[in-house]
Structures are given as C-alpha cells and as structure tokens.
Amino acid sequence: NQEGKQKTGSGIFMAVKSKFTEEIWELLLFAPFWVMEIISKADGVTDVEQKKIFYQEIKRLSTEKNSALTEEIFSEINKNLERVSSNLSSDKREPTYAMLDLRSALDEIPSELAGEGFCDVLFEMGINIADASGAMTNSGRRVEQAELRALAGLAILLEIDLAKLEKKDPKFVFQIHGYLKRIEKSVL
C-alpha cells in the first residue's frame, strides 16, 4: 500500500535504497537534474516552461506506479528537493559525463530492481522537458533541433531501446534516428 510506504519511510522504499552505496544512490538522485540540464541547455536557453515541466515530472513520478527503484528515487527527490538540489550544486561533474557514470552504475543493478525502467523514465522525462517550449515541428512536438540532438545523445548514454517508443510516436523517433545516424557517421 502506497500510503504505508510513504508514511513509515521504511519497508519497500528503504529496502531498495539499502542495496546501493551512498555514492551510487546520489548518482541516481541527481540523474533527473542532469537530464534537465542536458536537454534544457541544449539550445542555450532554459525556459520557464521547461523548469515547470521538470518539477511537475518530479511530483508525478513520485506518486506514479513504476519500478520500486524509480518510485523510491522520485519519492525521495520530491520529499527532499532542497537537500538534493543543494547536494547537486556541490557536485562538479559535467552532466554528460555524469550520465556515463550513471549508466555504468545501472549496469550493476540487479534486474529485479529494473534499472532499465529508470532509464526509460529519464528519457521520457527528457522528451517532456524538450517538448515544453519552442515552435511546433512536423512531428507534432515543440522540440528545437538542438534539443533533438541532445535527446539523441541521451538515448545513447542511457542505452534506450527506441523501438519501444517508436510505437507511441513514430515521427518523433524517426527524427531521433536521423541524429543517431549523423552521430554514427561522425564517429566512424
């Protein structure tokens, strides 16, 4: 029961957190903020609407049914937003490199904790942040080209299976694939 989990601050929520070192747990807590920074700063402007969507996403994901890992992370962020933000401000990692550290940490998470589900949630959060401002595009979204490139990079960093997203939004995923192909050509 969700109420009991939140009321006691123990049980399932503490069971998940206890499986991680303090350093890895902090990486997990910072991840949504790094997604926000990567996406919102891609076009050089962090829009008021993007900030609004970010905080709405934190609140929504703190109560939405998800993997135990995702629920606990967003619940803790929502309850301790000031503390997490303060700790993040003293972290000097660049968000893109920090996401590589996160990906390495997630690779070590037991499958029953659904680390992959957390990545999917982070990526969808990035899409919602990118879609919060800008002009409407041919995909029916308001995502600027720089933000689309940032989403393609985020898809790589989080190892997102775009085929799952393609069923929901084929035009948008086609645009992301276009940037992924450009990235691939520039690397090879």
N, C-alpha and C. Protein backbone atom coordinates (compact mmCIF):
# COMPACT_ATOMS: atom_id res chain seq x y z
N ASN A 1 0.85 -1.17 0.00
CA ASN A 1 0.00 0.00 0.00
C ASN A 1 0.89 1.23 0.00
N GLN A 2 0.65 2.11 -0.96
CA GLN A 2 1.48 3.29 -1.18
C GLN A 2 1.52 4.19 0.05
N GLU A 3 0.38 4.39 0.71
CA GLU A 3 0.33 5.24 1.89
C GLU A 3 1.28 4.75 2.98
N GLY A 4 1.25 3.47 3.24
CA GLY A 4 2.08 2.88 4.28
C GLY A 4 3.55 3.05 3.98
N LYS A 5 3.92 2.91 2.69
CA LYS A 5 5.32 3.05 2.30
C LYS A 5 5.79 4.48 2.58
N GLN A 6 4.95 5.47 2.22
CA GLN A 6 5.35 6.85 2.40
C GLN A 6 5.31 7.26 3.87
N LYS A 7 4.34 6.75 4.60
CA LYS A 7 4.16 7.13 5.99
C LYS A 7 5.33 6.68 6.86
N THR A 8 5.77 5.46 6.67
CA THR A 8 6.80 4.92 7.55
C THR A 8 8.21 5.30 7.11
N GLY A 9 8.39 5.57 5.84
CA GLY A 9 9.74 5.88 5.37
C GLY A 9 10.63 4.65 5.39
N SER A 10 10.03 3.48 5.53
CA SER A 10 10.82 2.25 5.54
C SER A 10 10.14 1.24 4.63
N GLY A 11 10.31 0.00 4.92
CA GLY A 11 9.67 -1.04 4.11
C GLY A 11 10.29 -1.12 2.75
N ILE A 12 9.45 -1.17 1.72
CA ILE A 12 9.94 -1.32 0.34
C ILE A 12 10.90 -0.20 -0.02
N PHE A 13 10.55 1.06 0.28
CA PHE A 13 11.41 2.16 -0.12
C PHE A 13 12.80 2.02 0.47
N MET A 14 12.92 1.76 1.74
CA MET A 14 14.23 1.62 2.36
C MET A 14 14.93 0.35 1.88
N ALA A 15 14.16 -0.66 1.53
CA ALA A 15 14.76 -1.91 1.04
C ALA A 15 15.52 -1.68 -0.26
N VAL A 16 14.99 -0.84 -1.14
CA VAL A 16 15.67 -0.56 -2.40
C VAL A 16 16.91 0.29 -2.15
N LYS A 17 16.77 1.36 -1.42
CA LYS A 17 17.90 2.27 -1.16
C LYS A 17 19.06 1.54 -0.48
N SER A 18 18.74 0.61 0.39
CA SER A 18 19.79 -0.09 1.14
C SER A 18 20.67 -0.98 0.26
N LYS A 19 20.26 -1.23 -0.98
CA LYS A 19 21.03 -2.07 -1.88
C LYS A 19 22.15 -1.29 -2.60
N PHE A 20 22.25 0.01 -2.34
CA PHE A 20 23.20 0.86 -3.04
C PHE A 20 24.16 1.54 -2.08
N THR A 21 25.35 1.84 -2.59
CA THR A 21 26.27 2.66 -1.81
C THR A 21 25.71 4.08 -1.82
N GLU A 22 26.18 4.89 -0.89
CA GLU A 22 25.74 6.29 -0.83
C GLU A 22 26.08 7.02 -2.12
N GLU A 23 27.25 6.73 -2.67
CA GLU A 23 27.70 7.39 -3.90
C GLU A 23 26.78 7.05 -5.09
N ILE A 24 26.43 5.79 -5.23
CA ILE A 24 25.56 5.40 -6.34
C ILE A 24 24.15 5.93 -6.13
N TRP A 25 23.67 5.92 -4.89
CA TRP A 25 22.34 6.45 -4.63
C TRP A 25 22.28 7.93 -4.99
N GLU A 26 23.35 8.65 -4.71
CA GLU A 26 23.41 10.07 -5.06
C GLU A 26 23.37 10.25 -6.58
N LEU A 27 24.09 9.40 -7.31
CA LEU A 27 24.04 9.43 -8.78
C LEU A 27 22.60 9.28 -9.27
N LEU A 28 21.89 8.33 -8.68
CA LEU A 28 20.50 8.08 -9.07
C LEU A 28 19.62 9.28 -8.77
N LEU A 29 19.83 9.93 -7.62
CA LEU A 29 19.04 11.10 -7.26
C LEU A 29 19.35 12.30 -8.16
N PHE A 30 20.59 12.43 -8.59
CA PHE A 30 20.98 13.57 -9.42
C PHE A 30 20.57 13.39 -10.88
N ALA A 31 20.36 12.16 -11.32
CA ALA A 31 20.10 11.88 -12.74
C ALA A 31 18.99 12.73 -13.35
N PRO A 32 17.82 12.86 -12.72
CA PRO A 32 16.79 13.70 -13.34
C PRO A 32 17.23 15.15 -13.54
N PHE A 33 18.03 15.67 -12.62
CA PHE A 33 18.53 17.04 -12.75
C PHE A 33 19.50 17.16 -13.91
N TRP A 34 20.33 16.13 -14.10
CA TRP A 34 21.26 16.14 -15.22
C TRP A 34 20.51 16.04 -16.55
N VAL A 35 19.44 15.26 -16.58
CA VAL A 35 18.61 15.19 -17.79
C VAL A 35 18.07 16.59 -18.10
N MET A 36 17.55 17.25 -17.08
CA MET A 36 17.02 18.61 -17.24
C MET A 36 18.09 19.53 -17.81
N GLU A 37 19.28 19.47 -17.27
CA GLU A 37 20.35 20.36 -17.73
C GLU A 37 20.78 20.04 -19.16
N ILE A 38 20.94 18.77 -19.47
CA ILE A 38 21.35 18.36 -20.82
C ILE A 38 20.35 18.84 -21.86
N ILE A 39 19.07 18.62 -21.58
CA ILE A 39 18.03 18.96 -22.56
C ILE A 39 17.75 20.46 -22.60
N SER A 40 17.55 21.06 -21.45
CA SER A 40 17.13 22.46 -21.43
C SER A 40 18.23 23.41 -21.89
N LYS A 41 19.48 23.06 -21.67
CA LYS A 41 20.57 23.95 -22.08
C LYS A 41 21.07 23.67 -23.49
N ALA A 42 20.50 22.68 -24.15
CA ALA A 42 20.96 22.31 -25.50
C ALA A 42 20.82 23.46 -26.48
N ASP A 43 19.73 24.22 -26.35
CA ASP A 43 19.51 25.35 -27.25
C ASP A 43 19.99 26.67 -26.64
N GLY A 44 20.68 26.58 -25.51
CA GLY A 44 21.23 27.77 -24.89
C GLY A 44 20.29 28.51 -23.95
N VAL A 45 19.04 28.04 -23.86
CA VAL A 45 18.05 28.72 -23.04
C VAL A 45 17.28 27.72 -22.19
N THR A 46 17.32 27.91 -20.87
CA THR A 46 16.47 27.11 -20.00
C THR A 46 15.19 27.90 -19.80
N ASP A 47 14.16 27.45 -20.46
CA ASP A 47 12.87 28.12 -20.50
C ASP A 47 12.10 27.92 -19.19
N VAL A 48 11.29 28.89 -18.81
CA VAL A 48 10.45 28.79 -17.61
C VAL A 48 9.52 27.58 -17.72
N GLU A 49 8.99 27.34 -18.92
CA GLU A 49 8.09 26.20 -19.11
C GLU A 49 8.82 24.88 -18.89
N GLN A 50 10.08 24.81 -19.28
CA GLN A 50 10.85 23.59 -19.07
C GLN A 50 11.05 23.33 -17.59
N LYS A 51 11.35 24.38 -16.83
CA LYS A 51 11.50 24.22 -15.38
C LYS A 51 10.19 23.76 -14.76
N LYS A 52 9.10 24.34 -15.21
CA LYS A 52 7.78 23.97 -14.70
C LYS A 52 7.49 22.49 -14.96
N ILE A 53 7.75 22.04 -16.17
CA ILE A 53 7.54 20.64 -16.54
C ILE A 53 8.44 19.73 -15.71
N PHE A 54 9.70 20.14 -15.50
CA PHE A 54 10.63 19.35 -14.71
C PHE A 54 10.05 19.08 -13.32
N TYR A 55 9.60 20.11 -12.65
CA TYR A 55 9.07 19.94 -11.29
C TYR A 55 7.75 19.17 -11.29
N GLN A 56 6.95 19.35 -12.34
CA GLN A 56 5.73 18.54 -12.47
C GLN A 56 6.07 17.07 -12.66
N GLU A 57 7.10 16.80 -13.43
CA GLU A 57 7.53 15.42 -13.66
C GLU A 57 8.02 14.78 -12.36
N ILE A 58 8.79 15.53 -11.56
CA ILE A 58 9.27 15.02 -10.28
C ILE A 58 8.08 14.63 -9.41
N LYS A 59 7.12 15.52 -9.32
CA LYS A 59 5.94 15.27 -8.50
C LYS A 59 5.14 14.07 -9.03
N ARG A 60 4.91 14.05 -10.35
CA ARG A 60 4.13 12.97 -10.96
C ARG A 60 4.81 11.62 -10.75
N LEU A 61 6.11 11.57 -11.00
CA LEU A 61 6.83 10.31 -10.91
C LEU A 61 7.01 9.85 -9.47
N SER A 62 6.86 10.75 -8.52
CA SER A 62 6.98 10.35 -7.11
C SER A 62 5.74 9.59 -6.63
N THR A 63 4.66 9.70 -7.37
CA THR A 63 3.42 9.00 -6.97
C THR A 63 2.95 7.98 -7.99
N GLU A 64 3.49 8.02 -9.21
CA GLU A 64 3.06 7.11 -10.27
C GLU A 64 3.62 5.71 -10.03
N LYS A 65 2.82 4.71 -10.34
CA LYS A 65 3.25 3.31 -10.21
C LYS A 65 4.36 3.05 -11.22
N ASN A 66 5.47 2.55 -10.71
CA ASN A 66 6.65 2.29 -11.53
C ASN A 66 7.45 1.20 -10.87
N SER A 67 8.69 1.00 -11.32
CA SER A 67 9.56 0.04 -10.64
C SER A 67 9.84 0.57 -9.23
N ALA A 68 10.15 -0.31 -8.31
CA ALA A 68 10.44 0.11 -6.93
C ALA A 68 11.59 1.11 -6.91
N LEU A 69 12.59 0.89 -7.76
CA LEU A 69 13.74 1.80 -7.83
C LEU A 69 13.29 3.20 -8.25
N THR A 70 12.54 3.28 -9.34
CA THR A 70 12.08 4.57 -9.86
C THR A 70 11.19 5.28 -8.85
N GLU A 71 10.27 4.53 -8.25
CA GLU A 71 9.38 5.12 -7.25
C GLU A 71 10.15 5.70 -6.08
N GLU A 72 11.12 4.95 -5.59
CA GLU A 72 11.87 5.42 -4.42
C GLU A 72 12.72 6.64 -4.75
N ILE A 73 13.35 6.64 -5.90
CA ILE A 73 14.19 7.78 -6.29
C ILE A 73 13.35 9.05 -6.38
N PHE A 74 12.26 9.00 -7.13
CA PHE A 74 11.46 10.20 -7.32
C PHE A 74 10.72 10.60 -6.05
N SER A 75 10.37 9.64 -5.22
CA SER A 75 9.74 9.96 -3.95
C SER A 75 10.72 10.72 -3.05
N GLU A 76 11.96 10.25 -3.00
CA GLU A 76 12.97 10.94 -2.18
C GLU A 76 13.26 12.33 -2.71
N ILE A 77 13.38 12.46 -4.02
CA ILE A 77 13.62 13.79 -4.60
C ILE A 77 12.47 14.73 -4.25
N ASN A 78 11.25 14.25 -4.43
CA ASN A 78 10.07 15.08 -4.16
C ASN A 78 10.01 15.51 -2.69
N LYS A 79 10.32 14.60 -1.79
CA LYS A 79 10.27 14.92 -0.35
C LYS A 79 11.42 15.80 0.10
N ASN A 80 12.57 15.67 -0.56
CA ASN A 80 13.80 16.35 -0.12
C ASN A 80 14.41 17.19 -1.23
N LEU A 81 13.58 17.89 -1.98
CA LEU A 81 14.03 18.63 -3.15
C LEU A 81 15.15 19.62 -2.83
N GLU A 82 15.00 20.37 -1.76
CA GLU A 82 16.02 21.36 -1.41
C GLU A 82 17.36 20.70 -1.07
N ARG A 83 17.32 19.62 -0.30
CA ARG A 83 18.54 18.93 0.08
C ARG A 83 19.23 18.32 -1.14
N VAL A 84 18.45 17.66 -2.00
CA VAL A 84 19.04 17.04 -3.20
C VAL A 84 19.63 18.13 -4.10
N SER A 85 18.90 19.23 -4.28
CA SER A 85 19.40 20.34 -5.10
C SER A 85 20.68 20.93 -4.53
N SER A 86 20.73 21.07 -3.22
CA SER A 86 21.92 21.61 -2.56
C SER A 86 23.11 20.67 -2.74
N ASN A 87 22.89 19.38 -2.56
CA ASN A 87 23.97 18.40 -2.76
C ASN A 87 24.44 18.41 -4.21
N LEU A 88 23.51 18.55 -5.13
CA LEU A 88 23.85 18.58 -6.55
C LEU A 88 24.71 19.80 -6.87
N SER A 89 24.41 20.93 -6.24
CA SER A 89 25.17 22.15 -6.54
C SER A 89 26.64 22.01 -6.14
N SER A 90 26.94 21.13 -5.20
CA SER A 90 28.34 20.93 -4.82
C SER A 90 29.02 19.84 -5.67
N ASP A 91 28.24 19.16 -6.50
CA ASP A 91 28.78 18.14 -7.40
C ASP A 91 29.30 18.86 -8.65
N LYS A 92 30.54 18.67 -8.98
CA LYS A 92 31.16 19.41 -10.08
C LYS A 92 31.21 18.63 -11.40
N ARG A 93 30.56 17.46 -11.45
CA ARG A 93 30.60 16.68 -12.69
C ARG A 93 29.81 17.38 -13.80
N GLU A 94 30.30 17.25 -15.00
CA GLU A 94 29.58 17.72 -16.17
C GLU A 94 28.47 16.70 -16.43
N PRO A 95 27.23 17.15 -16.69
CA PRO A 95 26.10 16.22 -16.80
C PRO A 95 26.28 15.07 -17.77
N THR A 96 26.87 15.31 -18.94
CA THR A 96 27.03 14.22 -19.90
C THR A 96 27.94 13.14 -19.35
N TYR A 97 29.06 13.54 -18.74
CA TYR A 97 29.97 12.55 -18.16
C TYR A 97 29.34 11.88 -16.94
N ALA A 98 28.56 12.64 -16.20
CA ALA A 98 27.87 12.07 -15.04
C ALA A 98 26.89 10.99 -15.48
N MET A 99 26.25 11.20 -16.63
CA MET A 99 25.31 10.19 -17.14
C MET A 99 26.06 8.92 -17.54
N LEU A 100 27.30 9.04 -17.98
CA LEU A 100 28.11 7.84 -18.25
C LEU A 100 28.37 7.07 -16.96
N ASP A 101 28.68 7.81 -15.88
CA ASP A 101 28.85 7.18 -14.57
C ASP A 101 27.56 6.49 -14.14
N LEU A 102 26.44 7.16 -14.38
CA LEU A 102 25.14 6.59 -14.03
C LEU A 102 24.90 5.30 -14.80
N ARG A 103 25.17 5.33 -16.11
CA ARG A 103 24.94 4.15 -16.94
C ARG A 103 25.78 2.97 -16.43
N SER A 104 27.02 3.22 -16.07
CA SER A 104 27.87 2.17 -15.52
C SER A 104 27.29 1.62 -14.23
N ALA A 105 26.80 2.50 -13.37
CA ALA A 105 26.19 2.07 -12.10
C ALA A 105 24.92 1.26 -12.37
N LEU A 106 24.12 1.68 -13.33
CA LEU A 106 22.88 0.97 -13.64
C LEU A 106 23.14 -0.42 -14.21
N ASP A 107 24.25 -0.57 -14.89
CA ASP A 107 24.61 -1.89 -15.42
C ASP A 107 24.82 -2.91 -14.32
N GLU A 108 25.13 -2.43 -13.13
CA GLU A 108 25.38 -3.31 -11.98
C GLU A 108 24.12 -3.60 -11.15
N ILE A 109 23.02 -2.94 -11.49
CA ILE A 109 21.79 -3.10 -10.71
C ILE A 109 21.13 -4.43 -11.05
N PRO A 110 20.74 -5.20 -10.04
CA PRO A 110 20.04 -6.47 -10.30
C PRO A 110 18.75 -6.22 -11.10
N SER A 111 18.44 -7.11 -12.01
CA SER A 111 17.30 -6.92 -12.90
C SER A 111 15.98 -6.76 -12.16
N GLU A 112 15.85 -7.36 -10.98
CA GLU A 112 14.58 -7.22 -10.25
C GLU A 112 14.34 -5.79 -9.77
N LEU A 113 15.37 -4.95 -9.77
CA LEU A 113 15.20 -3.55 -9.39
C LEU A 113 14.86 -2.67 -10.59
N ALA A 114 14.93 -3.21 -11.78
CA ALA A 114 14.51 -2.53 -13.01
C ALA A 114 15.26 -1.24 -13.29
N GLY A 115 16.59 -1.31 -13.36
CA GLY A 115 17.39 -0.16 -13.73
C GLY A 115 17.07 0.35 -15.12
N GLU A 116 16.73 -0.57 -16.03
CA GLU A 116 16.37 -0.17 -17.38
C GLU A 116 15.10 0.67 -17.39
N GLY A 117 14.15 0.31 -16.54
CA GLY A 117 12.92 1.10 -16.44
C GLY A 117 13.21 2.52 -16.00
N PHE A 118 14.20 2.69 -15.13
CA PHE A 118 14.60 4.02 -14.67
C PHE A 118 15.13 4.84 -15.85
N CYS A 119 15.93 4.21 -16.70
CA CYS A 119 16.46 4.91 -17.88
C CYS A 119 15.33 5.34 -18.81
N ASP A 120 14.36 4.46 -19.03
CA ASP A 120 13.22 4.81 -19.88
C ASP A 120 12.47 6.00 -19.32
N VAL A 121 12.28 6.03 -18.00
CA VAL A 121 11.59 7.14 -17.35
C VAL A 121 12.40 8.43 -17.52
N LEU A 122 13.71 8.35 -17.34
CA LEU A 122 14.56 9.53 -17.52
C LEU A 122 14.47 10.06 -18.95
N PHE A 123 14.47 9.14 -19.93
CA PHE A 123 14.41 9.57 -21.32
C PHE A 123 13.06 10.22 -21.63
N GLU A 124 11.98 9.62 -21.17
CA GLU A 124 10.65 10.22 -21.39
C GLU A 124 10.55 11.57 -20.70
N MET A 125 11.18 11.70 -19.54
CA MET A 125 11.22 12.98 -18.85
C MET A 125 11.95 14.01 -19.72
N GLY A 126 13.06 13.59 -20.34
CA GLY A 126 13.80 14.47 -21.24
C GLY A 126 12.95 14.92 -22.42
N ILE A 127 12.17 14.01 -22.97
CA ILE A 127 11.27 14.36 -24.08
C ILE A 127 10.26 15.40 -23.62
N ASN A 128 9.66 15.18 -22.46
CA ASN A 128 8.66 16.12 -21.95
C ASN A 128 9.26 17.50 -21.68
N ILE A 129 10.49 17.54 -21.18
CA ILE A 129 11.16 18.82 -20.95
C ILE A 129 11.43 19.51 -22.28
N ALA A 130 11.93 18.77 -23.26
CA ALA A 130 12.22 19.34 -24.58
C ALA A 130 10.95 19.84 -25.26
N ASP A 131 9.87 19.16 -25.03
CA ASP A 131 8.59 19.48 -25.67
C ASP A 131 7.88 20.66 -25.00
N ALA A 132 8.44 21.16 -23.92
CA ALA A 132 7.77 22.21 -23.14
C ALA A 132 7.86 23.59 -23.77
N SER A 133 8.76 23.77 -24.71
CA SER A 133 8.90 25.09 -25.32
C SER A 133 9.30 24.95 -26.78
N GLY A 134 9.25 26.03 -27.48
CA GLY A 134 9.64 26.02 -28.89
C GLY A 134 8.45 26.00 -29.81
N ALA A 135 8.73 26.05 -31.10
CA ALA A 135 7.69 26.06 -32.13
C ALA A 135 7.31 24.62 -32.49
N MET A 136 6.09 24.43 -32.93
CA MET A 136 5.60 23.12 -33.33
C MET A 136 6.39 22.63 -34.54
N THR A 137 6.81 21.36 -34.51
CA THR A 137 7.57 20.78 -35.63
C THR A 137 6.67 19.83 -36.42
N ASN A 138 7.22 19.26 -37.50
CA ASN A 138 6.43 18.35 -38.32
C ASN A 138 6.11 17.04 -37.61
N SER A 139 6.75 16.78 -36.46
CA SER A 139 6.41 15.57 -35.70
C SER A 139 5.26 15.82 -34.74
N GLY A 140 4.78 17.09 -34.71
CA GLY A 140 3.70 17.42 -33.79
C GLY A 140 4.21 17.78 -32.41
N ARG A 141 5.51 17.94 -32.28
CA ARG A 141 6.13 18.31 -30.99
C ARG A 141 6.77 19.68 -31.13
N ARG A 142 7.11 20.26 -29.98
CA ARG A 142 7.73 21.59 -29.97
C ARG A 142 9.21 21.48 -29.59
N VAL A 143 9.88 20.51 -30.10
CA VAL A 143 11.27 20.26 -29.75
C VAL A 143 12.20 20.95 -30.74
N GLU A 144 13.07 21.81 -30.21
CA GLU A 144 14.07 22.50 -31.04
C GLU A 144 15.09 21.48 -31.55
N GLN A 145 15.75 21.81 -32.66
CA GLN A 145 16.74 20.90 -33.24
C GLN A 145 17.89 20.59 -32.27
N ALA A 146 18.32 21.59 -31.53
CA ALA A 146 19.42 21.36 -30.57
C ALA A 146 18.97 20.39 -29.47
N GLU A 147 17.72 20.50 -29.06
CA GLU A 147 17.18 19.59 -28.05
C GLU A 147 17.01 18.19 -28.61
N LEU A 148 16.66 18.10 -29.88
CA LEU A 148 16.55 16.80 -30.54
C LEU A 148 17.91 16.11 -30.58
N ARG A 149 18.97 16.87 -30.88
CA ARG A 149 20.32 16.32 -30.85
C ARG A 149 20.67 15.85 -29.43
N ALA A 150 20.28 16.66 -28.45
CA ALA A 150 20.57 16.30 -27.05
C ALA A 150 19.81 15.02 -26.67
N LEU A 151 18.58 14.88 -27.14
CA LEU A 151 17.81 13.65 -26.88
C LEU A 151 18.48 12.44 -27.53
N ALA A 152 19.00 12.62 -28.73
CA ALA A 152 19.70 11.52 -29.40
C ALA A 152 20.92 11.11 -28.58
N GLY A 153 21.67 12.09 -28.09
CA GLY A 153 22.81 11.79 -27.24
C GLY A 153 22.39 11.11 -25.95
N LEU A 154 21.30 11.58 -25.37
CA LEU A 154 20.78 10.97 -24.14
C LEU A 154 20.35 9.52 -24.39
N ALA A 155 19.75 9.28 -25.56
CA ALA A 155 19.35 7.90 -25.91
C ALA A 155 20.57 6.98 -25.94
N ILE A 156 21.68 7.50 -26.43
CA ILE A 156 22.92 6.71 -26.46
C ILE A 156 23.42 6.48 -25.04
N LEU A 157 23.51 7.56 -24.26
CA LEU A 157 24.03 7.47 -22.90
C LEU A 157 23.22 6.51 -22.03
N LEU A 158 21.90 6.53 -22.19
CA LEU A 158 21.02 5.70 -21.36
C LEU A 158 20.73 4.34 -22.00
N GLU A 159 21.27 4.12 -23.21
CA GLU A 159 21.04 2.87 -23.95
C GLU A 159 19.54 2.58 -24.09
N ILE A 160 18.84 3.57 -24.62
CA ILE A 160 17.38 3.47 -24.78
C ILE A 160 17.03 2.62 -25.99
N ASP A 161 16.05 1.75 -25.81
CA ASP A 161 15.51 0.95 -26.91
C ASP A 161 14.42 1.79 -27.57
N LEU A 162 14.77 2.48 -28.64
CA LEU A 162 13.83 3.38 -29.30
C LEU A 162 12.66 2.64 -29.94
N ALA A 163 12.80 1.35 -30.18
CA ALA A 163 11.70 0.58 -30.78
C ALA A 163 10.46 0.62 -29.90
N LYS A 164 10.66 0.65 -28.58
CA LYS A 164 9.51 0.73 -27.67
C LYS A 164 8.79 2.07 -27.82
N LEU A 165 9.56 3.13 -27.97
CA LEU A 165 8.99 4.47 -28.11
C LEU A 165 8.39 4.68 -29.50
N GLU A 166 8.95 3.99 -30.49
CA GLU A 166 8.51 4.16 -31.88
C GLU A 166 7.03 3.85 -32.06
N LYS A 167 6.54 2.87 -31.31
CA LYS A 167 5.12 2.50 -31.43
C LYS A 167 4.22 3.66 -31.01
N LYS A 168 4.66 4.42 -30.01
CA LYS A 168 3.87 5.54 -29.50
C LYS A 168 3.99 6.79 -30.37
N ASP A 169 5.18 7.01 -30.94
CA ASP A 169 5.46 8.28 -31.60
C ASP A 169 6.46 8.09 -32.76
N PRO A 170 6.02 7.44 -33.86
CA PRO A 170 6.95 7.09 -34.94
C PRO A 170 7.65 8.28 -35.60
N LYS A 171 6.94 9.40 -35.83
CA LYS A 171 7.57 10.56 -36.48
C LYS A 171 8.70 11.12 -35.63
N PHE A 172 8.46 11.21 -34.35
CA PHE A 172 9.46 11.78 -33.45
C PHE A 172 10.68 10.87 -33.35
N VAL A 173 10.45 9.58 -33.23
CA VAL A 173 11.55 8.62 -33.15
C VAL A 173 12.35 8.63 -34.46
N PHE A 174 11.68 8.82 -35.58
CA PHE A 174 12.36 8.92 -36.87
C PHE A 174 13.35 10.09 -36.84
N GLN A 175 12.95 11.22 -36.25
CA GLN A 175 13.86 12.36 -36.14
C GLN A 175 15.05 12.04 -35.25
N ILE A 176 14.81 11.36 -34.16
CA ILE A 176 15.91 10.98 -33.26
C ILE A 176 16.86 10.03 -33.99
N HIS A 177 16.29 9.06 -34.73
CA HIS A 177 17.12 8.14 -35.51
C HIS A 177 18.02 8.90 -36.48
N GLY A 178 17.48 9.96 -37.09
CA GLY A 178 18.26 10.78 -38.01
C GLY A 178 19.51 11.35 -37.35
N TYR A 179 19.35 11.85 -36.13
CA TYR A 179 20.51 12.37 -35.41
C TYR A 179 21.45 11.27 -34.97
N LEU A 180 20.91 10.12 -34.63
CA LEU A 180 21.77 8.99 -34.25
C LEU A 180 22.63 8.56 -35.44
N LYS A 181 22.06 8.58 -36.64
CA LYS A 181 22.84 8.24 -37.84
C LYS A 181 23.95 9.27 -38.09
N ARG A 182 23.64 10.56 -37.86
CA ARG A 182 24.66 11.60 -38.01
C ARG A 182 25.79 11.38 -37.01
N ILE A 183 25.43 11.06 -35.78
CA ILE A 183 26.44 10.82 -34.74
C ILE A 183 27.30 9.63 -35.15
N GLU A 184 26.65 8.57 -35.63
CA GLU A 184 27.38 7.36 -36.04
C GLU A 184 28.37 7.69 -37.16
N LYS A 185 27.93 8.46 -38.15
CA LYS A 185 28.82 8.82 -39.28
C LYS A 185 29.98 9.65 -38.80
N SER A 186 29.75 10.56 -37.86
CA SER A 186 30.84 11.44 -37.39
C SER A 186 31.86 10.68 -36.56
N VAL A 187 31.43 9.59 -35.94
CA VAL A 187 32.33 8.78 -35.10
C VAL A 187 33.16 7.85 -35.96
N LEU A 188 32.55 7.32 -37.03
CA LEU A 188 33.24 6.36 -37.89
C LEU A 188 34.09 7.05 -38.88
